[in-house]
PDB file of all heavy atoms in Angstrom:
ATOM      1  N   ALA A   1     109.864 102.617  73.186  1.00  0.00           N
ATOM      2  CA  ALA A   1     108.505 103.117  73.475  1.00  0.00           C
ATOM      3  C   ALA A   1     107.602 101.994  73.561  1.00  0.00           C
ATOM      4  O   ALA A   1     107.459 101.206  72.568  1.00  0.00           O
ATOM      5  CB  ALA A   1     108.120 104.088  72.444  1.00  0.00           C
ATOM      6  N   ILE A   2     106.924 101.784  74.706  1.00  0.00           N
ATOM      7  CA  ILE A   2     105.993 100.682  74.975  1.00  0.00           C
ATOM      8  C   ILE A   2     104.552 101.133  74.737  1.00  0.00           C
ATOM      9  O   ILE A   2     104.154 102.160  75.250  1.00  0.00           O
ATOM     10  CB  ILE A   2     106.214 100.103  76.383  1.00  0.00           C
ATOM     11  CG1 ILE A   2     107.661  99.560  76.543  1.00  0.00           C
ATOM     12  CG2 ILE A   2     105.074  99.113  76.726  1.00  0.00           C
ATOM     13  CD1 ILE A   2     107.904  98.337  75.725  1.00  0.00           C
ATOM     14  N   ASP A   3     103.772 100.263  74.045  1.00  0.00           N
ATOM     15  CA  ASP A   3     102.416 100.530  73.906  1.00  0.00           C
ATOM     16  C   ASP A   3     101.684 100.257  75.177  1.00  0.00           C
ATOM     17  O   ASP A   3     101.038  99.167  75.368  1.00  0.00           O
ATOM     18  CB  ASP A   3     101.784  99.755  72.747  1.00  0.00           C
ATOM     19  CG  ASP A   3     100.413 100.071  72.403  1.00  0.00           C
ATOM     20  OD1 ASP A   3      99.882 101.133  72.882  1.00  0.00           O
ATOM     21  OD2 ASP A   3      99.695  99.286  71.748  1.00  0.00           O
ATOM     22  N   GLY A   4     101.670 101.180  76.073  1.00  0.00           N
ATOM     23  CA  GLY A   4     101.035 101.037  77.444  1.00  0.00           C
ATOM     24  C   GLY A   4     101.255 102.174  78.339  1.00  0.00           C
ATOM     25  O   GLY A   4     101.633 103.322  77.917  1.00  0.00           O
ATOM     26  N   THR A   5     101.104 101.854  79.698  1.00  0.00           N
ATOM     27  CA  THR A   5     101.269 103.021  80.676  1.00  0.00           C
ATOM     28  C   THR A   5     102.702 102.775  81.436  1.00  0.00           C
ATOM     29  O   THR A   5     103.353 101.804  81.129  1.00  0.00           O
ATOM     30  CB  THR A   5     100.255 102.799  81.759  1.00  0.00           C
ATOM     31  OG1 THR A   5     100.440 101.571  82.483  1.00  0.00           O
ATOM     32  CG2 THR A   5      98.856 102.866  81.165  1.00  0.00           C
ATOM     33  N   PHE A   6     103.086 103.759  82.282  1.00  0.00           N
ATOM     34  CA  PHE A   6     104.296 103.542  82.937  1.00  0.00           C
ATOM     35  C   PHE A   6     104.294 102.234  83.833  1.00  0.00           C
ATOM     36  O   PHE A   6     105.286 101.591  83.933  1.00  0.00           O
ATOM     37  CB  PHE A   6     104.573 104.750  83.853  1.00  0.00           C
ATOM     38  CG  PHE A   6     105.639 104.442  84.905  1.00  0.00           C
ATOM     39  CD1 PHE A   6     106.968 104.400  84.586  1.00  0.00           C
ATOM     40  CD2 PHE A   6     105.304 104.195  86.260  1.00  0.00           C
ATOM     41  CE1 PHE A   6     107.878 104.139  85.484  1.00  0.00           C
ATOM     42  CE2 PHE A   6     106.288 103.934  87.214  1.00  0.00           C
ATOM     43  CZ  PHE A   6     107.599 103.844  86.775  1.00  0.00           C
ATOM     44  N   ASP A   7     103.162 101.929  84.472  1.00  0.00           N
ATOM     45  CA  ASP A   7     103.045 100.758  85.261  1.00  0.00           C
ATOM     46  C   ASP A   7     103.309  99.536  84.397  1.00  0.00           C
ATOM     47  O   ASP A   7     103.906  98.624  84.878  1.00  0.00           O
ATOM     48  CB  ASP A   7     101.643 100.615  85.871  1.00  0.00           C
ATOM     49  CG  ASP A   7     101.513 101.730  86.982  1.00  0.00           C
ATOM     50  OD1 ASP A   7     102.390 102.044  87.692  1.00  0.00           O
ATOM     51  OD2 ASP A   7     100.300 102.242  87.110  1.00  0.00           O
ATOM     52  N   ASP A   8     102.852  99.567  83.177  1.00  0.00           N
ATOM     53  CA  ASP A   8     103.211  98.388  82.231  1.00  0.00           C
ATOM     54  C   ASP A   8     104.680  98.323  82.025  1.00  0.00           C
ATOM     55  O   ASP A   8     105.302  97.202  82.065  1.00  0.00           O
ATOM     56  CB  ASP A   8     102.559  98.643  80.923  1.00  0.00           C
ATOM     57  CG  ASP A   8     101.068  98.542  80.963  1.00  0.00           C
ATOM     58  OD1 ASP A   8     100.442  97.726  81.863  1.00  0.00           O
ATOM     59  OD2 ASP A   8     100.377  99.245  80.166  1.00  0.00           O
ATOM     60  N   CYS A   9     105.321  99.410  81.798  1.00  0.00           N
ATOM     61  CA  CYS A   9     106.779  99.443  81.682  1.00  0.00           C
ATOM     62  C   CYS A   9     107.545  98.960  82.931  1.00  0.00           C
ATOM     63  O   CYS A   9     108.461  98.106  82.835  1.00  0.00           O
ATOM     64  CB  CYS A   9     107.271 100.897  81.297  1.00  0.00           C
ATOM     65  SG  CYS A   9     106.628 101.517  79.732  1.00  0.00           S
ATOM     66  N   GLN A  10     107.036  99.380  84.059  1.00  0.00           N
ATOM     67  CA  GLN A  10     107.641  98.966  85.339  1.00  0.00           C
ATOM     68  C   GLN A  10     107.405  97.508  85.542  1.00  0.00           C
ATOM     69  O   GLN A  10     108.393  96.771  85.995  1.00  0.00           O
ATOM     70  CB  GLN A  10     107.022  99.826  86.459  1.00  0.00           C
ATOM     71  CG  GLN A  10     107.558  99.646  87.808  1.00  0.00           C
ATOM     72  CD  GLN A  10     107.292 100.646  88.829  1.00  0.00           C
ATOM     73  OE1 GLN A  10     108.039 101.388  89.295  1.00  0.00           O
ATOM     74  NE2 GLN A  10     105.930 100.648  89.209  1.00  0.00           N
ATOM     75  N   ASP A  11     106.202  96.924  85.222  1.00  0.00           N
ATOM     76  CA  ASP A  11     106.037  95.563  85.333  1.00  0.00           C
ATOM     77  C   ASP A  11     106.931  94.695  84.464  1.00  0.00           C
ATOM     78  O   ASP A  11     107.453  93.617  84.838  1.00  0.00           O
ATOM     79  CB  ASP A  11     104.578  95.174  85.026  1.00  0.00           C
ATOM     80  CG  ASP A  11     103.586  95.673  86.123  1.00  0.00           C
ATOM     81  OD1 ASP A  11     104.082  95.984  87.250  1.00  0.00           O
ATOM     82  OD2 ASP A  11     102.400  95.750  85.900  1.00  0.00           O
ATOM     83  N   LEU A  12     107.102  95.184  83.209  1.00  0.00           N
ATOM     84  CA  LEU A  12     108.082  94.526  82.351  1.00  0.00           C
ATOM     85  C   LEU A  12     109.461  94.412  82.958  1.00  0.00           C
ATOM     86  O   LEU A  12     110.179  93.397  82.861  1.00  0.00           O
ATOM     87  CB  LEU A  12     108.079  95.220  80.908  1.00  0.00           C
ATOM     88  CG  LEU A  12     106.773  95.075  80.106  1.00  0.00           C
ATOM     89  CD1 LEU A  12     106.875  96.077  78.872  1.00  0.00           C
ATOM     90  CD2 LEU A  12     106.676  93.618  79.494  1.00  0.00           C
ATOM     91  N   VAL A  13     109.935  95.587  83.473  1.00  0.00           N
ATOM     92  CA  VAL A  13     111.267  95.567  83.986  1.00  0.00           C
ATOM     93  C   VAL A  13     111.341  94.578  85.250  1.00  0.00           C
ATOM     94  O   VAL A  13     112.221  93.702  85.348  1.00  0.00           O
ATOM     95  CB  VAL A  13     111.639  96.963  84.564  1.00  0.00           C
ATOM     96  CG1 VAL A  13     112.897  96.968  85.473  1.00  0.00           C
ATOM     97  CG2 VAL A  13     111.780  97.833  83.363  1.00  0.00           C
ATOM     98  N   LYS A  14     110.334  94.559  86.047  1.00  0.00           N
ATOM     99  CA  LYS A  14     110.319  93.656  87.223  1.00  0.00           C
ATOM    100  C   LYS A  14     110.215  92.154  86.793  1.00  0.00           C
ATOM    101  O   LYS A  14     110.864  91.373  87.456  1.00  0.00           O
ATOM    102  CB  LYS A  14     109.168  94.051  88.196  1.00  0.00           C
ATOM    103  CG  LYS A  14     109.318  95.360  88.935  1.00  0.00           C
ATOM    104  CD  LYS A  14     108.297  95.580  89.934  1.00  0.00           C
ATOM    105  CE  LYS A  14     108.510  96.779  90.783  1.00  0.00           C
ATOM    106  NZ  LYS A  14     107.470  97.080  91.810  1.00  0.00           N
ATOM    107  N   ALA A  15     109.517  91.989  85.755  1.00  0.00           N
ATOM    108  CA  ALA A  15     109.404  90.627  85.251  1.00  0.00           C
ATOM    109  C   ALA A  15     110.770  90.105  84.667  1.00  0.00           C
ATOM    110  O   ALA A  15     111.129  88.883  84.903  1.00  0.00           O
ATOM    111  CB  ALA A  15     108.383  90.590  84.150  1.00  0.00           C
ATOM    112  N   MET A  16     111.458  90.923  84.082  1.00  0.00           N
ATOM    113  CA  MET A  16     112.821  90.545  83.571  1.00  0.00           C
ATOM    114  C   MET A  16     113.769  90.263  84.722  1.00  0.00           C
ATOM    115  O   MET A  16     114.613  89.302  84.748  1.00  0.00           O
ATOM    116  CB  MET A  16     113.440  91.599  82.726  1.00  0.00           C
ATOM    117  CG  MET A  16     112.888  91.561  81.290  1.00  0.00           C
ATOM    118  SD  MET A  16     113.617  92.823  80.109  1.00  0.00           S
ATOM    119  CE  MET A  16     112.757  94.256  80.618  1.00  0.00           C
ATOM    120  N   PHE A  17     113.653  91.116  85.779  1.00  0.00           N
ATOM    121  CA  PHE A  17     114.488  90.843  86.977  1.00  0.00           C
ATOM    122  C   PHE A  17     114.034  89.562  87.689  1.00  0.00           C
ATOM    123  O   PHE A  17     114.797  88.941  88.389  1.00  0.00           O
ATOM    124  CB  PHE A  17     114.379  91.994  88.031  1.00  0.00           C
ATOM    125  CG  PHE A  17     115.417  93.115  87.617  1.00  0.00           C
ATOM    126  CD1 PHE A  17     115.137  94.113  86.748  1.00  0.00           C
ATOM    127  CD2 PHE A  17     116.710  93.149  88.243  1.00  0.00           C
ATOM    128  CE1 PHE A  17     116.007  95.049  86.463  1.00  0.00           C
ATOM    129  CE2 PHE A  17     117.590  94.177  87.967  1.00  0.00           C
ATOM    130  CZ  PHE A  17     117.187  95.118  87.022  1.00  0.00           C
ATOM    131  N   GLY A  18     112.738  89.241  87.612  1.00  0.00           N
ATOM    132  CA  GLY A  18     112.239  88.050  88.226  1.00  0.00           C
ATOM    133  C   GLY A  18     112.653  86.818  87.585  1.00  0.00           C
ATOM    134  O   GLY A  18     112.417  85.695  88.125  1.00  0.00           O
ATOM    135  N   ASP A  19     113.090  86.820  86.318  1.00  0.00           N
ATOM    136  CA  ASP A  19     113.535  85.714  85.582  1.00  0.00           C
ATOM    137  C   ASP A  19     115.012  85.578  85.874  1.00  0.00           C
ATOM    138  O   ASP A  19     115.909  86.121  85.223  1.00  0.00           O
ATOM    139  CB  ASP A  19     113.325  85.870  84.001  1.00  0.00           C
ATOM    140  CG  ASP A  19     113.660  84.654  83.189  1.00  0.00           C
ATOM    141  OD1 ASP A  19     114.612  83.978  83.543  1.00  0.00           O
ATOM    142  OD2 ASP A  19     113.032  84.426  82.187  1.00  0.00           O
ATOM    143  N   THR A  20     115.335  84.616  86.838  1.00  0.00           N
ATOM    144  CA  THR A  20     116.668  84.524  87.362  1.00  0.00           C
ATOM    145  C   THR A  20     117.725  84.114  86.267  1.00  0.00           C
ATOM    146  O   THR A  20     118.792  84.706  86.242  1.00  0.00           O
ATOM    147  CB  THR A  20     116.787  83.473  88.483  1.00  0.00           C
ATOM    148  OG1 THR A  20     115.870  83.770  89.484  1.00  0.00           O
ATOM    149  CG2 THR A  20     118.105  83.288  89.047  1.00  0.00           C
ATOM    150  N   GLU A  21     117.356  83.233  85.385  1.00  0.00           N
ATOM    151  CA  GLU A  21     118.243  82.828  84.315  1.00  0.00           C
ATOM    152  C   GLU A  21     118.507  84.020  83.426  1.00  0.00           C
ATOM    153  O   GLU A  21     119.748  84.258  83.069  1.00  0.00           O
ATOM    154  CB  GLU A  21     117.687  81.619  83.509  1.00  0.00           C
ATOM    155  CG  GLU A  21     118.582  81.114  82.458  1.00  0.00           C
ATOM    156  CD  GLU A  21     117.926  79.986  81.664  1.00  0.00           C
ATOM    157  OE1 GLU A  21     116.952  79.487  82.076  1.00  0.00           O
ATOM    158  OE2 GLU A  21     118.659  79.561  80.601  1.00  0.00           O
ATOM    159  N   PHE A  22     117.592  84.726  82.972  1.00  0.00           N
ATOM    160  CA  PHE A  22     117.721  85.955  82.121  1.00  0.00           C
ATOM    161  C   PHE A  22     118.528  86.974  82.717  1.00  0.00           C
ATOM    162  O   PHE A  22     119.476  87.641  82.171  1.00  0.00           O
ATOM    163  CB  PHE A  22     116.291  86.300  81.602  1.00  0.00           C
ATOM    164  CG  PHE A  22     116.409  87.484  80.540  1.00  0.00           C
ATOM    165  CD1 PHE A  22     116.558  87.268  79.294  1.00  0.00           C
ATOM    166  CD2 PHE A  22     116.252  88.849  81.084  1.00  0.00           C
ATOM    167  CE1 PHE A  22     116.591  88.253  78.363  1.00  0.00           C
ATOM    168  CE2 PHE A  22     116.349  89.884  80.219  1.00  0.00           C
ATOM    169  CZ  PHE A  22     116.501  89.570  78.780  1.00  0.00           C
ATOM    170  N   ARG A  23     118.182  87.256  83.974  1.00  0.00           N
ATOM    171  CA  ARG A  23     118.834  88.245  84.772  1.00  0.00           C
ATOM    172  C   ARG A  23     120.392  87.992  84.929  1.00  0.00           C
ATOM    173  O   ARG A  23     121.128  88.978  84.736  1.00  0.00           O
ATOM    174  CB  ARG A  23     118.226  88.344  86.169  1.00  0.00           C
ATOM    175  CG  ARG A  23     118.785  89.401  87.178  1.00  0.00           C
ATOM    176  CD  ARG A  23     117.956  89.244  88.387  1.00  0.00           C
ATOM    177  NE  ARG A  23     118.471  90.148  89.398  1.00  0.00           N
ATOM    178  CZ  ARG A  23     117.904  90.462  90.588  1.00  0.00           C
ATOM    179  NH1 ARG A  23     116.692  89.890  90.741  1.00  0.00           N
ATOM    180  NH2 ARG A  23     118.376  91.320  91.351  1.00  0.00           N
ATOM    181  N   GLN A  24     120.693  86.782  85.197  1.00  0.00           N
ATOM    182  CA  GLN A  24     122.049  86.457  85.366  1.00  0.00           C
ATOM    183  C   GLN A  24     122.884  86.422  84.098  1.00  0.00           C
ATOM    184  O   GLN A  24     123.952  86.894  83.987  1.00  0.00           O
ATOM    185  CB  GLN A  24     122.252  85.073  86.085  1.00  0.00           C
ATOM    186  CG  GLN A  24     121.680  85.072  87.587  1.00  0.00           C
ATOM    187  CD  GLN A  24     121.821  83.776  88.175  1.00  0.00           C
ATOM    188  OE1 GLN A  24     121.993  82.736  87.593  1.00  0.00           O
ATOM    189  NE2 GLN A  24     121.594  83.786  89.535  1.00  0.00           N
ATOM    190  N   LYS A  25     122.237  85.861  83.044  1.00  0.00           N
ATOM    191  CA  LYS A  25     122.836  85.729  81.719  1.00  0.00           C
ATOM    192  C   LYS A  25     123.204  87.104  81.170  1.00  0.00           C
ATOM    193  O   LYS A  25     124.357  87.313  80.702  1.00  0.00           O
ATOM    194  CB  LYS A  25     121.964  84.954  80.759  1.00  0.00           C
ATOM    195  CG  LYS A  25     122.640  84.875  79.364  1.00  0.00           C
ATOM    196  CD  LYS A  25     121.637  84.103  78.482  1.00  0.00           C
ATOM    197  CE  LYS A  25     122.195  83.931  77.014  1.00  0.00           C
ATOM    198  NZ  LYS A  25     121.358  83.224  76.176  1.00  0.00           N
ATOM    199  N   HIS A  26     122.297  88.080  81.309  1.00  0.00           N
ATOM    200  CA  HIS A  26     122.563  89.421  80.752  1.00  0.00           C
ATOM    201  C   HIS A  26     122.950  90.488  81.761  1.00  0.00           C
ATOM    202  O   HIS A  26     123.096  91.717  81.484  1.00  0.00           O
ATOM    203  CB  HIS A  26     121.272  89.872  79.996  1.00  0.00           C
ATOM    204  CG  HIS A  26     120.965  89.002  78.892  1.00  0.00           C
ATOM    205  ND1 HIS A  26     121.663  88.922  77.689  1.00  0.00           N
ATOM    206  CD2 HIS A  26     119.944  88.053  78.803  1.00  0.00           C
ATOM    207  CE1 HIS A  26     121.030  87.998  76.907  1.00  0.00           C
ATOM    208  NE2 HIS A  26     119.969  87.461  77.573  1.00  0.00           N
ATOM    209  N   ARG A  27     123.218  90.057  83.015  1.00  0.00           N
ATOM    210  CA  ARG A  27     123.837  90.875  84.071  1.00  0.00           C
ATOM    211  C   ARG A  27     123.028  92.201  84.329  1.00  0.00           C
ATOM    212  O   ARG A  27     123.436  93.296  84.132  1.00  0.00           O
ATOM    213  CB  ARG A  27     125.268  91.261  83.755  1.00  0.00           C
ATOM    214  CG  ARG A  27     126.227  90.182  83.410  1.00  0.00           C
ATOM    215  CD  ARG A  27     127.635  90.536  83.186  1.00  0.00           C
ATOM    216  NE  ARG A  27     127.698  91.471  82.079  1.00  0.00           N
ATOM    217  CZ  ARG A  27     127.616  91.165  80.801  1.00  0.00           C
ATOM    218  NH1 ARG A  27     127.418  89.986  80.422  1.00  0.00           N
ATOM    219  NH2 ARG A  27     127.722  92.081  79.932  1.00  0.00           N
ATOM    220  N   LEU A  28     121.659  91.976  84.557  1.00  0.00           N
ATOM    221  CA  LEU A  28     120.741  93.068  84.696  1.00  0.00           C
ATOM    222  C   LEU A  28     121.069  93.901  85.908  1.00  0.00           C
ATOM    223  O   LEU A  28     121.378  93.362  86.926  1.00  0.00           O
ATOM    224  CB  LEU A  28     119.336  92.605  84.698  1.00  0.00           C
ATOM    225  CG  LEU A  28     118.822  91.848  83.447  1.00  0.00           C
ATOM    226  CD1 LEU A  28     117.286  91.716  83.660  1.00  0.00           C
ATOM    227  CD2 LEU A  28     119.148  92.495  82.137  1.00  0.00           C
ATOM    228  N   ALA A  29     120.867  95.222  85.795  1.00  0.00           N
ATOM    229  CA  ALA A  29     120.993  96.182  86.904  1.00  0.00           C
ATOM    230  C   ALA A  29     119.899  97.207  86.715  1.00  0.00           C
ATOM    231  O   ALA A  29     119.369  97.324  85.682  1.00  0.00           O
ATOM    232  CB  ALA A  29     122.403  96.803  86.900  1.00  0.00           C
ATOM    233  N   ALA A  30     119.610  97.847  87.818  1.00  0.00           N
ATOM    234  CA  ALA A  30     118.464  98.887  87.858  1.00  0.00           C
ATOM    235  C   ALA A  30     118.891 100.254  88.198  1.00  0.00           C
ATOM    236  O   ALA A  30     119.790 100.487  89.001  1.00  0.00           O
ATOM    237  CB  ALA A  30     117.462  98.435  88.945  1.00  0.00           C
TER     238      ALA A  30
END
């Protein structure tokens, strides 16, 4: 549960996908 709106949650998800190293290391999928 995030202290914010859905748009905040969506932005957090997109930011994680935008971090190439983090995305590849943890094999992110959507």
